[in-house]
Amino acid sequence: MAILYGVLVVLHLIGMAGVVGGYLASVRSPRFPVVMLHGALTALVTGLLLVGLSYPVFDGENIDNAKISVKLVVALVVAVLVFVNRRREVVPTGLFHLVGGLAVLNVAVAVLWSDRFLG
């Protein structure tokens, strides 16, 4: 079970890299490349699976449901915005940067929202 959890973490990070990397690659001509959509969906699905596996793998210890809820809402917003606007040749700059900022915010929440940083 721990090996499956580790594989899902790797896939989750690859999904996140697709969203952030697609954003950074498209800054000069704002559009949502297909890698952002696939990355957002990969990160969303693997994130849900990771939460489901966290309870049996870690016996429910140190699972922060508030953090998971915030990350889920942000990931859903990113995925929906990319999905709805994926066919636009040019995406409004504000919307494009909002999606990129939300993706980076989700990474920051994952890393910084912990006992190590919040005391």
PDB file of N, CA and C in Angstrom:
ATOM      1  N   MET A   1       0.824  -1.194   0.000  1.00  0.00           N
ATOM      2  CA  MET A   1       0.000   0.000   0.000  1.00  0.00           C
ATOM      3  C   MET A   1       0.864   1.252   0.000  1.00  0.00           C
ATOM      4  N   ALA A   2       1.987   1.215   0.707  1.00  0.00           N
ATOM      5  CA  ALA A   2       2.878   2.370   0.760  1.00  0.00           C
ATOM      6  C   ALA A   2       3.518   2.634  -0.600  1.00  0.00           C
ATOM      7  N   ILE A   3       3.789   1.564  -1.360  1.00  0.00           N
ATOM      8  CA  ILE A   3       4.372   1.735  -2.699  1.00  0.00           C
ATOM      9  C   ILE A   3       3.361   2.418  -3.619  1.00  0.00           C
ATOM     10  N   LEU A   4       2.113   2.008  -3.554  1.00  0.00           N
ATOM     11  CA  LEU A   4       1.061   2.646  -4.343  1.00  0.00           C
ATOM     12  C   LEU A   4       0.940   4.116  -3.978  1.00  0.00           C
ATOM     13  N   TYR A   5       1.006   4.414  -2.685  1.00  0.00           N
ATOM     14  CA  TYR A   5       0.941   5.795  -2.228  1.00  0.00           C
ATOM     15  C   TYR A   5       2.099   6.605  -2.831  1.00  0.00           C
ATOM     16  N   GLY A   6       3.295   6.036  -2.815  1.00  0.00           N
ATOM     17  CA  GLY A   6       4.456   6.716  -3.386  1.00  0.00           C
ATOM     18  C   GLY A   6       4.311   6.964  -4.879  1.00  0.00           C
ATOM     19  N   VAL A   7       3.794   5.985  -5.597  1.00  0.00           N
ATOM     20  CA  VAL A   7       3.573   6.144  -7.039  1.00  0.00           C
ATOM     21  C   VAL A   7       2.555   7.258  -7.300  1.00  0.00           C
ATOM     22  N   LEU A   8       1.508   7.308  -6.488  1.00  0.00           N
ATOM     23  CA  LEU A   8       0.511   8.373  -6.637  1.00  0.00           C
ATOM     24  C   LEU A   8       1.099   9.741  -6.339  1.00  0.00           C
ATOM     25  N   VAL A   9       1.993   9.829  -5.372  1.00  0.00           N
ATOM     26  CA  VAL A   9       2.658  11.112  -5.091  1.00  0.00           C
ATOM     27  C   VAL A   9       3.458  11.561  -6.307  1.00  0.00           C
ATOM     28  N   VAL A  10       4.184  10.632  -6.926  1.00  0.00           N
ATOM     29  CA  VAL A  10       4.965  10.960  -8.128  1.00  0.00           C
ATOM     30  C   VAL A  10       4.039  11.445  -9.243  1.00  0.00           C
ATOM     31  N   LEU A  11       2.944  10.751  -9.482  1.00  0.00           N
ATOM     32  CA  LEU A  11       1.994  11.160 -10.518  1.00  0.00           C
ATOM     33  C   LEU A  11       1.359  12.511 -10.188  1.00  0.00           C
ATOM     34  N   HIS A  12       1.092  12.746  -8.913  1.00  0.00           N
ATOM     35  CA  HIS A  12       0.532  14.022  -8.477  1.00  0.00           C
ATOM     36  C   HIS A  12       1.505  15.163  -8.783  1.00  0.00           C
ATOM     37  N   LEU A  13       2.780  14.948  -8.505  1.00  0.00           N
ATOM     38  CA  LEU A  13       3.789  15.965  -8.783  1.00  0.00           C
ATOM     39  C   LEU A  13       3.950  16.189 -10.285  1.00  0.00           C
ATOM     40  N   ILE A  14       3.846  15.141 -11.072  1.00  0.00           N
ATOM     41  CA  ILE A  14       3.921  15.287 -12.528  1.00  0.00           C
ATOM     42  C   ILE A  14       2.724  16.103 -13.040  1.00  0.00           C
ATOM     43  N   GLY A  15       1.555  15.861 -12.485  1.00  0.00           N
ATOM     44  CA  GLY A  15       0.376  16.647 -12.862  1.00  0.00           C
ATOM     45  C   GLY A  15       0.548  18.115 -12.523  1.00  0.00           C
ATOM     46  N   MET A  16       1.059  18.381 -11.323  1.00  0.00           N
ATOM     47  CA  MET A  16       1.299  19.759 -10.919  1.00  0.00           C
ATOM     48  C   MET A  16       2.330  20.409 -11.830  1.00  0.00           C
ATOM     49  N   ALA A  17       3.369  19.665 -12.189  1.00  0.00           N
ATOM     50  CA  ALA A  17       4.403  20.196 -13.078  1.00  0.00           C
ATOM     51  C   ALA A  17       3.808  20.516 -14.457  1.00  0.00           C
ATOM     52  N   GLY A  18       2.845  19.733 -14.905  1.00  0.00           N
ATOM     53  CA  GLY A  18       2.189  20.013 -16.174  1.00  0.00           C
ATOM     54  C   GLY A  18       1.420  21.318 -16.150  1.00  0.00           C
ATOM     55  N   VAL A  19       0.750  21.585 -15.049  1.00  0.00           N
ATOM     56  CA  VAL A  19      -0.029  22.828 -14.937  1.00  0.00           C
ATOM     57  C   VAL A  19       0.910  24.032 -14.841  1.00  0.00           C
ATOM     58  N   VAL A  20       1.843  23.985 -13.916  1.00  0.00           N
ATOM     59  CA  VAL A  20       2.754  25.125 -13.722  1.00  0.00           C
ATOM     60  C   VAL A  20       3.677  25.278 -14.928  1.00  0.00           C
ATOM     61  N   GLY A  21       4.182  24.170 -15.460  1.00  0.00           N
ATOM     62  CA  GLY A  21       5.051  24.236 -16.630  1.00  0.00           C
ATOM     63  C   GLY A  21       4.324  24.752 -17.858  1.00  0.00           C
ATOM     64  N   GLY A  22       3.092  24.306 -18.065  1.00  0.00           N
ATOM     65  CA  GLY A  22       2.288  24.809 -19.180  1.00  0.00           C
ATOM     66  C   GLY A  22       2.012  26.287 -19.053  1.00  0.00           C
ATOM     67  N   TYR A  23       1.780  26.722 -17.827  1.00  0.00           N
ATOM     68  CA  TYR A  23       1.574  28.160 -17.576  1.00  0.00           C
ATOM     69  C   TYR A  23       2.833  28.942 -17.929  1.00  0.00           C
ATOM     70  N   LEU A  24       3.967  28.516 -17.403  1.00  0.00           N
ATOM     71  CA  LEU A  24       5.214  29.234 -17.653  1.00  0.00           C
ATOM     72  C   LEU A  24       5.599  29.213 -19.126  1.00  0.00           C
ATOM     73  N   ALA A  25       5.312  28.141 -19.819  1.00  0.00           N
ATOM     74  CA  ALA A  25       5.654  28.038 -21.236  1.00  0.00           C
ATOM     75  C   ALA A  25       4.763  28.919 -22.109  1.00  0.00           C
ATOM     76  N   SER A  26       3.592  29.286 -21.610  1.00  0.00           N
ATOM     77  CA  SER A  26       2.633  30.044 -22.415  1.00  0.00           C
ATOM     78  C   SER A  26       2.485  31.492 -21.977  1.00  0.00           C
ATOM     79  N   VAL A  27       3.375  31.988 -21.160  1.00  0.00           N
ATOM     80  CA  VAL A  27       3.238  33.354 -20.647  1.00  0.00           C
ATOM     81  C   VAL A  27       3.255  34.382 -21.777  1.00  0.00           C
ATOM     82  N   ARG A  28       4.063  34.185 -22.795  1.00  0.00           N
ATOM     83  CA  ARG A  28       4.161  35.174 -23.881  1.00  0.00           C
ATOM     84  C   ARG A  28       2.911  35.224 -24.750  1.00  0.00           C
ATOM     85  N   SER A  29       2.272  34.102 -24.951  1.00  0.00           N
ATOM     86  CA  SER A  29       1.010  34.079 -25.702  1.00  0.00           C
ATOM     87  C   SER A  29      -0.011  33.314 -24.863  1.00  0.00           C
ATOM     88  N   PRO A  30      -0.750  34.047 -24.010  1.00  0.00           N
ATOM     89  CA  PRO A  30      -1.651  33.393 -23.054  1.00  0.00           C
ATOM     90  C   PRO A  30      -2.680  32.480 -23.716  1.00  0.00           C
ATOM     91  N   ARG A  31      -2.537  31.205 -23.441  1.00  0.00           N
ATOM     92  CA  ARG A  31      -3.497  30.192 -23.860  1.00  0.00           C
ATOM     93  C   ARG A  31      -3.297  28.997 -22.931  1.00  0.00           C
ATOM     94  N   PHE A  32      -4.260  28.119 -22.907  1.00  0.00           N
ATOM     95  CA  PHE A  32      -4.154  26.928 -22.059  1.00  0.00           C
ATOM     96  C   PHE A  32      -3.777  25.734 -22.920  1.00  0.00           C
ATOM     97  N   PRO A  33      -2.502  25.370 -22.928  1.00  0.00           N
ATOM     98  CA  PRO A  33      -2.113  24.197 -23.707  1.00  0.00           C
ATOM     99  C   PRO A  33      -2.718  22.934 -23.094  1.00  0.00           C
ATOM    100  N   VAL A  34      -2.797  21.888 -23.897  1.00  0.00           N
ATOM    101  CA  VAL A  34      -3.423  20.643 -23.458  1.00  0.00           C
ATOM    102  C   VAL A  34      -2.718  20.064 -22.230  1.00  0.00           C
ATOM    103  N   VAL A  35      -1.419  20.332 -22.074  1.00  0.00           N
ATOM    104  CA  VAL A  35      -0.698  19.811 -20.905  1.00  0.00           C
ATOM    105  C   VAL A  35      -1.262  20.393 -19.607  1.00  0.00           C
ATOM    106  N   MET A  36      -1.786  21.610 -19.651  1.00  0.00           N
ATOM    107  CA  MET A  36      -2.382  22.183 -18.441  1.00  0.00           C
ATOM    108  C   MET A  36      -3.661  21.453 -18.065  1.00  0.00           C
ATOM    109  N   LEU A  37      -4.464  21.112 -19.057  1.00  0.00           N
ATOM    110  CA  LEU A  37      -5.700  20.375 -18.779  1.00  0.00           C
ATOM    111  C   LEU A  37      -5.387  18.986 -18.242  1.00  0.00           C
ATOM    112  N   HIS A  38      -4.506  18.279 -18.918  1.00  0.00           N
ATOM    113  CA  HIS A  38      -4.157  16.923 -18.481  1.00  0.00           C
ATOM    114  C   HIS A  38      -3.474  16.952 -17.122  1.00  0.00           C
ATOM    115  N   GLY A  39      -2.617  17.951 -16.899  1.00  0.00           N
ATOM    116  CA  GLY A  39      -1.947  18.077 -15.611  1.00  0.00           C
ATOM    117  C   GLY A  39      -2.927  18.371 -14.487  1.00  0.00           C
ATOM    118  N   ALA A  40      -3.876  19.274 -14.756  1.00  0.00           N
ATOM    119  CA  ALA A  40      -4.875  19.620 -13.734  1.00  0.00           C
ATOM    120  C   ALA A  40      -5.731  18.409 -13.378  1.00  0.00           C
ATOM    121  N   LEU A  41      -6.149  17.664 -14.382  1.00  0.00           N
ATOM    122  CA  LEU A  41      -6.972  16.478 -14.114  1.00  0.00           C
ATOM    123  C   LEU A  41      -6.164  15.385 -13.414  1.00  0.00           C
ATOM    124  N   THR A  42      -4.909  15.217 -13.819  1.00  0.00           N
ATOM    125  CA  THR A  42      -4.042  14.228 -13.167  1.00  0.00           C
ATOM    126  C   THR A  42      -3.831  14.587 -11.702  1.00  0.00           C
ATOM    127  N   ALA A  43      -3.510  15.852 -11.445  1.00  0.00           N
ATOM    128  CA  ALA A  43      -3.283  16.291 -10.062  1.00  0.00           C
ATOM    129  C   ALA A  43      -4.554  16.145  -9.224  1.00  0.00           C
ATOM    130  N   LEU A  44      -5.692  16.459  -9.817  1.00  0.00           N
ATOM    131  CA  LEU A  44      -6.962  16.373  -9.096  1.00  0.00           C
ATOM    132  C   LEU A  44      -7.302  14.922  -8.740  1.00  0.00           C
ATOM    133  N   VAL A  45      -7.221  14.038  -9.714  1.00  0.00           N
ATOM    134  CA  VAL A  45      -7.573  12.630  -9.475  1.00  0.00           C
ATOM    135  C   VAL A  45      -6.583  11.980  -8.509  1.00  0.00           C
ATOM    136  N   THR A  46      -5.282  12.197  -8.739  1.00  0.00           N
ATOM    137  CA  THR A  46      -4.304  11.582  -7.836  1.00  0.00           C
ATOM    138  C   THR A  46      -4.393  12.178  -6.439  1.00  0.00           C
ATOM    139  N   GLY A  47      -4.721  13.458  -6.338  1.00  0.00           N
ATOM    140  CA  GLY A  47      -4.901  14.063  -5.022  1.00  0.00           C
ATOM    141  C   GLY A  47      -6.044  13.415  -4.255  1.00  0.00           C
ATOM    142  N   LEU A  48      -7.143  13.168  -4.946  1.00  0.00           N
ATOM    143  CA  LEU A  48      -8.276  12.490  -4.299  1.00  0.00           C
ATOM    144  C   LEU A  48      -7.896  11.075  -3.875  1.00  0.00           C
ATOM    145  N   LEU A  49      -7.176  10.371  -4.748  1.00  0.00           N
ATOM    146  CA  LEU A  49      -6.735   9.018  -4.394  1.00  0.00           C
ATOM    147  C   LEU A  49      -5.755   9.038  -3.217  1.00  0.00           C
ATOM    148  N   LEU A  50      -4.885  10.033  -3.173  1.00  0.00           N
ATOM    149  CA  LEU A  50      -3.938  10.144  -2.056  1.00  0.00           C
ATOM    150  C   LEU A  50      -4.659  10.359  -0.730  1.00  0.00           C
ATOM    151  N   VAL A  51      -5.699  11.184  -0.757  1.00  0.00           N
ATOM    152  CA  VAL A  51      -6.469  11.409   0.469  1.00  0.00           C
ATOM    153  C   VAL A  51      -7.145  10.106   0.898  1.00  0.00           C
ATOM    154  N   GLY A  52      -7.714   9.402  -0.066  1.00  0.00           N
ATOM    155  CA  GLY A  52      -8.365   8.126   0.258  1.00  0.00           C
ATOM    156  C   GLY A  52      -7.402   7.102   0.827  1.00  0.00           C
ATOM    157  N   LEU A  53      -6.177   7.082   0.305  1.00  0.00           N
ATOM    158  CA  LEU A  53      -5.179   6.127   0.802  1.00  0.00           C
ATOM    159  C   LEU A  53      -4.495   6.591   2.082  1.00  0.00           C
ATOM    160  N   SER A  54      -4.584   7.870   2.389  1.00  0.00           N
ATOM    161  CA  SER A  54      -3.910   8.388   3.582  1.00  0.00           C
ATOM    162  C   SER A  54      -4.442   7.757   4.857  1.00  0.00           C
ATOM    163  N   TYR A  55      -5.725   7.496   4.896  1.00  0.00           N
ATOM    164  CA  TYR A  55      -6.309   6.954   6.117  1.00  0.00           C
ATOM    165  C   TYR A  55      -5.821   5.535   6.419  1.00  0.00           C
ATOM    166  N   PRO A  56      -5.827   4.606   5.463  1.00  0.00           N
ATOM    167  CA  PRO A  56      -5.294   3.281   5.800  1.00  0.00           C
ATOM    168  C   PRO A  56      -3.761   3.255   5.905  1.00  0.00           C
ATOM    169  N   VAL A  57      -3.062   4.059   5.120  1.00  0.00           N
ATOM    170  CA  VAL A  57      -1.602   4.023   5.141  1.00  0.00           C
ATOM    171  C   VAL A  57      -1.056   4.662   6.412  1.00  0.00           C
ATOM    172  N   PHE A  58      -1.629   5.789   6.812  1.00  0.00           N
ATOM    173  CA  PHE A  58      -1.116   6.519   7.973  1.00  0.00           C
ATOM    174  C   PHE A  58      -2.022   6.405   9.192  1.00  0.00           C
ATOM    175  N   ASP A  59      -3.005   5.532   9.165  1.00  0.00           N
ATOM    176  CA  ASP A  59      -3.923   5.302  10.284  1.00  0.00           C
ATOM    177  C   ASP A  59      -4.644   6.569  10.734  1.00  0.00           C
ATOM    178  N   GLY A  60      -4.860   7.499   9.819  1.00  0.00           N
ATOM    179  CA  GLY A  60      -5.591   8.718  10.140  1.00  0.00           C
ATOM    180  C   GLY A  60      -4.812   9.725  10.957  1.00  0.00           C
ATOM    181  N   GLU A  61      -3.515   9.491  11.161  1.00  0.00           N
ATOM    182  CA  GLU A  61      -2.709  10.416  11.961  1.00  0.00           C
ATOM    183  C   GLU A  61      -2.179  11.551  11.089  1.00  0.00           C
ATOM    184  N   ASN A  62      -2.171  12.745  11.641  1.00  0.00           N
ATOM    185  CA  ASN A  62      -1.597  13.921  10.995  1.00  0.00           C
ATOM    186  C   ASN A  62      -2.223  14.229   9.636  1.00  0.00           C
ATOM    187  N   ILE A  63      -3.480  13.948   9.472  1.00  0.00           N
ATOM    188  CA  ILE A  63      -4.172  14.285   8.230  1.00  0.00           C
ATOM    189  C   ILE A  63      -4.948  15.572   8.495  1.00  0.00           C
ATOM    190  N   ASP A  64      -4.601  16.620   7.760  1.00  0.00           N
ATOM    191  CA  ASP A  64      -5.182  17.946   7.960  1.00  0.00           C
ATOM    192  C   ASP A  64      -6.307  18.148   6.949  1.00  0.00           C
ATOM    193  N   ASN A  65      -7.536  17.935   7.403  1.00  0.00           N
ATOM    194  CA  ASN A  65      -8.678  18.025   6.502  1.00  0.00           C
ATOM    195  C   ASN A  65      -8.930  19.445   6.011  1.00  0.00           C
ATOM    196  N   ALA A  66      -8.564  20.453   6.792  1.00  0.00           N
ATOM    197  CA  ALA A  66      -8.716  21.838   6.341  1.00  0.00           C
ATOM    198  C   ALA A  66      -7.787  22.103   5.156  1.00  0.00           C
ATOM    199  N   LYS A  67      -6.555  21.674   5.267  1.00  0.00           N
ATOM    200  CA  LYS A  67      -5.583  21.843   4.177  1.00  0.00           C
ATOM    201  C   LYS A  67      -6.058  21.096   2.932  1.00  0.00           C
ATOM    202  N   ILE A  68      -6.514  19.880   3.106  1.00  0.00           N
ATOM    203  CA  ILE A  68      -6.997  19.087   1.976  1.00  0.00           C
ATOM    204  C   ILE A  68      -8.185  19.774   1.313  1.00  0.00           C
ATOM    205  N   SER A  69      -9.074  20.346   2.108  1.00  0.00           N
ATOM    206  CA  SER A  69     -10.249  21.031   1.564  1.00  0.00           C
ATOM    207  C   SER A  69      -9.850  22.254   0.742  1.00  0.00           C
ATOM    208  N   VAL A  70      -8.920  23.045   1.261  1.00  0.00           N
ATOM    209  CA  VAL A  70      -8.451  24.226   0.531  1.00  0.00           C
ATOM    210  C   VAL A  70      -7.811  23.804  -0.787  1.00  0.00           C
ATOM    211  N   LYS A  71      -6.944  22.791  -0.736  1.00  0.00           N
ATOM    212  CA  LYS A  71      -6.278  22.331  -1.952  1.00  0.00           C
ATOM    213  C   LYS A  71      -7.289  21.774  -2.964  1.00  0.00           C
ATOM    214  N   LEU A  72      -8.315  21.079  -2.494  1.00  0.00           N
ATOM    215  CA  LEU A  72      -9.333  20.533  -3.383  1.00  0.00           C
ATOM    216  C   LEU A  72     -10.102  21.644  -4.087  1.00  0.00           C
ATOM    217  N   VAL A  73     -10.511  22.657  -3.337  1.00  0.00           N
ATOM    218  CA  VAL A  73     -11.260  23.766  -3.940  1.00  0.00           C
ATOM    219  C   VAL A  73     -10.406  24.484  -4.983  1.00  0.00           C
ATOM    220  N   VAL A  74      -9.151  24.767  -4.658  1.00  0.00           N
ATOM    221  CA  VAL A  74      -8.267  25.451  -5.601  1.00  0.00           C
ATOM    222  C   VAL A  74      -8.043  24.580  -6.838  1.00  0.00           C
ATOM    223  N   ALA A  75      -7.811  23.289  -6.643  1.00  0.00           N
ATOM    224  CA  ALA A  75      -7.589  22.386  -7.778  1.00  0.00           C
ATOM    225  C   ALA A  75      -8.832  22.287  -8.662  1.00  0.00           C
ATOM    226  N   LEU A  76     -10.002  22.257  -8.057  1.00  0.00           N
ATOM    227  CA  LEU A  76     -11.243  22.224  -8.841  1.00  0.00           C
ATOM    228  C   LEU A  76     -11.414  23.495  -9.658  1.00  0.00           C
ATOM    229  N   VAL A  77     -11.131  24.644  -9.056  1.00  0.00           N
ATOM    230  CA  VAL A  77     -11.241  25.918  -9.781  1.00  0.00           C
ATOM    231  C   VAL A  77     -10.277  25.937 -10.961  1.00  0.00           C
ATOM    232  N   VAL A  78      -9.030  25.521 -10.732  1.00  0.00           N
ATOM    233  CA  VAL A  78      -8.044  25.478 -11.815  1.00  0.00           C
ATOM    234  C   VAL A  78      -8.517  24.546 -12.931  1.00  0.00           C
ATOM    235  N   ALA A  79      -8.933  23.349 -12.581  1.00  0.00           N
ATOM    236  CA  ALA A  79      -9.356  22.369 -13.585  1.00  0.00           C
ATOM    237  C   ALA A  79     -10.565  22.862 -14.383  1.00  0.00           C
ATOM    238  N   VAL A  80     -11.532  23.456 -13.701  1.00  0.00           N
ATOM    239  CA  VAL A  80     -12.735  23.942 -14.395  1.00  0.00           C
ATOM    240  C   VAL A  80     -12.390  25.111 -15.319  1.00  0.00           C
ATOM    241  N   LEU A  81     -11.587  26.057 -14.839  1.00  0.00           N
ATOM    242  CA  LEU A  81     -11.228  27.203 -15.677  1.00  0.00           C
ATOM    243  C   LEU A  81     -10.428  26.773 -16.906  1.00  0.00           C
ATOM    244  N   VAL A  82      -9.512  25.844 -16.728  1.00  0.00           N
ATOM    245  CA  VAL A  82      -8.744  25.356 -17.878  1.00  0.00           C
ATOM    246  C   VAL A  82      -9.662  24.592 -18.827  1.00  0.00           C
ATOM    247  N   PHE A  83     -10.529  23.754 -18.299  1.00  0.00           N
ATOM    248  CA  PHE A  83     -11.425  22.957 -19.147  1.00  0.00           C
ATOM    249  C   PHE A  83     -12.366  23.845 -19.960  1.00  0.00           C
ATOM    250  N   VAL A  84     -12.960  24.826 -19.306  1.00  0.00           N
ATOM    251  CA  VAL A  84     -13.939  25.695 -19.979  1.00  0.00           C
ATOM    252  C   VAL A  84     -13.263  26.557 -21.050  1.00  0.00           C
ATOM    253  N   ASN A  85     -12.041  27.003 -20.809  1.00  0.00           N
ATOM    254  CA  ASN A  85     -11.365  27.929 -21.722  1.00  0.00           C
ATOM    255  C   ASN A  85     -10.283  27.278 -22.577  1.00  0.00           C
ATOM    256  N   ARG A  86     -10.241  25.964 -22.621  1.00  0.00           N
ATOM    257  CA  ARG A  86      -9.142  25.272 -23.300  1.00  0.00           C
ATOM    258  C   ARG A  86      -9.133  25.471 -24.807  1.00  0.00           C
ATOM    259  N   ARG A  87     -10.253  25.753 -25.411  1.00  0.00           N
ATOM    260  CA  ARG A  87     -10.322  25.870 -26.877  1.00  0.00           C
ATOM    261  C   ARG A  87     -10.098  27.297 -27.371  1.00  0.00           C
ATOM    262  N   ARG A  88     -10.030  28.242 -26.459  1.00  0.00           N
ATOM    263  CA  ARG A  88      -9.772  29.624 -26.876  1.00  0.00           C
ATOM    264  C   ARG A  88      -8.362  29.744 -27.429  1.00  0.00           C
ATOM    265  N   GLU A  89      -8.249  30.413 -28.547  1.00  0.00           N
ATOM    266  CA  GLU A  89      -6.928  30.627 -29.139  1.00  0.00           C
ATOM    267  C   GLU A  89      -6.097  31.569 -28.271  1.00  0.00           C
ATOM    268  N   VAL A  90      -6.760  32.609 -27.760  1.00  0.00           N
ATOM    269  CA  VAL A  90      -6.091  33.542 -26.850  1.00  0.00           C
ATOM    270  C   VAL A  90      -6.989  33.701 -25.626  1.00  0.00           C
ATOM    271  N   VAL A  91      -6.414  33.494 -24.460  1.00  0.00           N
ATOM    272  CA  VAL A  91      -7.143  33.593 -23.193  1.00  0.00           C
ATOM    273  C   VAL A  91      -6.901  34.987 -22.621  1.00  0.00           C
ATOM    274  N   PRO A  92      -7.917  35.627 -22.032  1.00  0.00           N
ATOM    275  CA  PRO A  92      -7.675  36.923 -21.395  1.00  0.00           C
ATOM    276  C   PRO A  92      -6.520  36.828 -20.390  1.00  0.00           C
ATOM    277  N   THR A  93      -5.680  37.834 -20.410  1.00  0.00           N
ATOM    278  CA  THR A  93      -4.463  37.811 -19.603  1.00  0.00           C
ATOM    279  C   THR A  93      -4.756  37.622 -18.117  1.00  0.00           C
ATOM    280  N   GLY A  94      -5.774  38.316 -17.621  1.00  0.00           N
ATOM    281  CA  GLY A  94      -6.107  38.196 -16.206  1.00  0.00           C
ATOM    282  C   GLY A  94      -6.518  36.784 -15.829  1.00  0.00           C
ATOM    283  N   LEU A  95      -7.329  36.156 -16.654  1.00  0.00           N
ATOM    284  CA  LEU A  95      -7.760  34.783 -16.406  1.00  0.00           C
ATOM    285  C   LEU A  95      -6.566  33.831 -16.457  1.00  0.00           C
ATOM    286  N   PHE A  96      -5.703  34.038 -17.446  1.00  0.00           N
ATOM    287  CA  PHE A  96      -4.522  33.188 -17.595  1.00  0.00           C
ATOM    288  C   PHE A  96      -3.634  33.267 -16.352  1.00  0.00           C
ATOM    289  N   HIS A  97      -3.373  34.477 -15.880  1.00  0.00           N
ATOM    290  CA  HIS A  97      -2.517  34.637 -14.703  1.00  0.00           C
ATOM    291  C   HIS A  97      -3.217  34.197 -13.417  1.00  0.00           C
ATOM    292  N   LEU A  98      -4.537  34.314 -13.384  1.00  0.00           N
ATOM    293  CA  LEU A  98      -5.292  33.802 -12.235  1.00  0.00           C
ATOM    294  C   LEU A  98      -5.101  32.301 -12.103  1.00  0.00           C
ATOM    295  N   VAL A  99      -5.223  31.584 -13.217  1.00  0.00           N
ATOM    296  CA  VAL A  99      -5.063  30.131 -13.188  1.00  0.00           C
ATOM    297  C   VAL A  99      -3.637  29.766 -12.790  1.00  0.00           C
ATOM    298  N   GLY A 100      -2.641  30.440 -13.373  1.00  0.00           N
ATOM    299  CA  GLY A 100      -1.251  30.179 -13.008  1.00  0.00           C
ATOM    300  C   GLY A 100      -0.978  30.493 -11.542  1.00  0.00           C
ATOM    301  N   GLY A 101      -1.538  31.599 -11.068  1.00  0.00           N
ATOM    302  CA  GLY A 101      -1.361  31.967  -9.659  1.00  0.00           C
ATOM    303  C   GLY A 101      -2.015  30.977  -8.717  1.00  0.00           C
ATOM    304  N   LEU A 102      -3.196  30.491  -9.091  1.00  0.00           N
ATOM    305  CA  LEU A 102      -3.874  29.496  -8.256  1.00  0.00           C
ATOM    306  C   LEU A 102      -3.097  28.186  -8.226  1.00  0.00           C
ATOM    307  N   ALA A 103      -2.497  27.815  -9.344  1.00  0.00           N
ATOM    308  CA  ALA A 103      -1.686  26.590  -9.378  1.00  0.00           C
ATOM    309  C   ALA A 103      -0.476  26.732  -8.455  1.00  0.00           C
ATOM    310  N   VAL A 104       0.168  27.876  -8.506  1.00  0.00           N
ATOM    311  CA  VAL A 104       1.322  28.112  -7.629  1.00  0.00           C
ATOM    312  C   VAL A 104       0.854  28.195  -6.174  1.00  0.00           C
ATOM    313  N   LEU A 105      -0.302  28.800  -5.938  1.00  0.00           N
ATOM    314  CA  LEU A 105      -0.856  28.860  -4.580  1.00  0.00           C
ATOM    315  C   LEU A 105      -1.075  27.455  -4.033  1.00  0.00           C
ATOM    316  N   ASN A 106      -1.560  26.543  -4.865  1.00  0.00           N
ATOM    317  CA  ASN A 106      -1.788  25.175  -4.406  1.00  0.00           C
ATOM    318  C   ASN A 106      -0.484  24.489  -4.022  1.00  0.00           C
ATOM    319  N   VAL A 107       0.562  24.756  -4.780  1.00  0.00           N
ATOM    320  CA  VAL A 107       1.886  24.218  -4.430  1.00  0.00           C
ATOM    321  C   VAL A 107       2.343  24.812  -3.101  1.00  0.00           C
ATOM    322  N   ALA A 108       2.156  26.126  -2.932  1.00  0.00           N
ATOM    323  CA  ALA A 108       2.568  26.780  -1.692  1.00  0.00           C
ATOM    324  C   ALA A 108       1.792  26.240  -0.494  1.00  0.00           C
ATOM    325  N   VAL A 109       0.501  26.012  -0.658  1.00  0.00           N
ATOM    326  CA  VAL A 109      -0.300  25.439   0.432  1.00  0.00           C
ATOM    327  C   VAL A 109       0.226  24.049   0.782  1.00  0.00           C
ATOM    328  N   ALA A 110       0.547  23.258  -0.227  1.00  0.00           N
ATOM    329  CA  ALA A 110       1.049  21.899   0.022  1.00  0.00           C
ATOM    330  C   ALA A 110       2.344  21.920   0.817  1.00  0.00           C
ATOM    331  N   VAL A 111       3.215  22.853   0.495  1.00  0.00           N
ATOM    332  CA  VAL A 111       4.541  22.881   1.119  1.00  0.00           C
ATOM    333  C   VAL A 111       4.532  23.633   2.444  1.00  0.00           C
ATOM    334  N   LEU A 112       3.893  24.785   2.466  1.00  0.00           N
ATOM    335  CA  LEU A 112       4.020  25.679   3.628  1.00  0.00           C
ATOM    336  C   LEU A 112       2.994  25.429   4.727  1.00  0.00           C
ATOM    337  N   TRP A 113       1.857  24.832   4.407  1.00  0.00           N
ATOM    338  CA  TRP A 113       0.830  24.582   5.423  1.00  0.00           C
ATOM    339  C   TRP A 113       1.189  23.283   6.149  1.00  0.00           C
ATOM    340  N   SER A 114       2.066  23.410   7.111  1.00  0.00           N
ATOM    341  CA  SER A 114       2.457  22.249   7.905  1.00  0.00           C
ATOM    342  C   SER A 114       2.906  22.720   9.275  1.00  0.00           C
ATOM    343  N   ASP A 115       3.030  21.795  10.194  1.00  0.00           N
ATOM    344  CA  ASP A 115       3.485  22.141  11.539  1.00  0.00           C
ATOM    345  C   ASP A 115       4.886  22.706  11.518  1.00  0.00           C
ATOM    346  N   ARG A 116       5.675  22.275  10.555  1.00  0.00           N
ATOM    347  CA  ARG A 116       7.045  22.723  10.447  1.00  0.00           C
ATOM    348  C   ARG A 116       7.110  24.235  10.229  1.00  0.00           C
ATOM    349  N   PHE A 117       6.160  24.788   9.429  1.00  0.00           N
ATOM    350  CA  PHE A 117       6.207  26.203   9.111  1.00  0.00           C
ATOM    351  C   PHE A 117       5.202  27.026   9.915  1.00  0.00           C
ATOM    352  N   LEU A 118       4.104  26.423  10.305  1.00  0.00           N
ATOM    353  CA  LEU A 118       3.059  27.175  11.002  1.00  0.00           C
ATOM    354  C   LEU A 118       3.138  27.018  12.512  1.00  0.00           C
ATOM    355  N   GLY A 119       4.070  26.261  12.981  1.00  0.00           N
ATOM    356  CA  GLY A 119       4.284  26.113  14.420  1.00  0.00           C
ATOM    357  C   GLY A 119       3.310  25.203  15.041  1.00  0.00           C
TER     358      GLY A 119
END
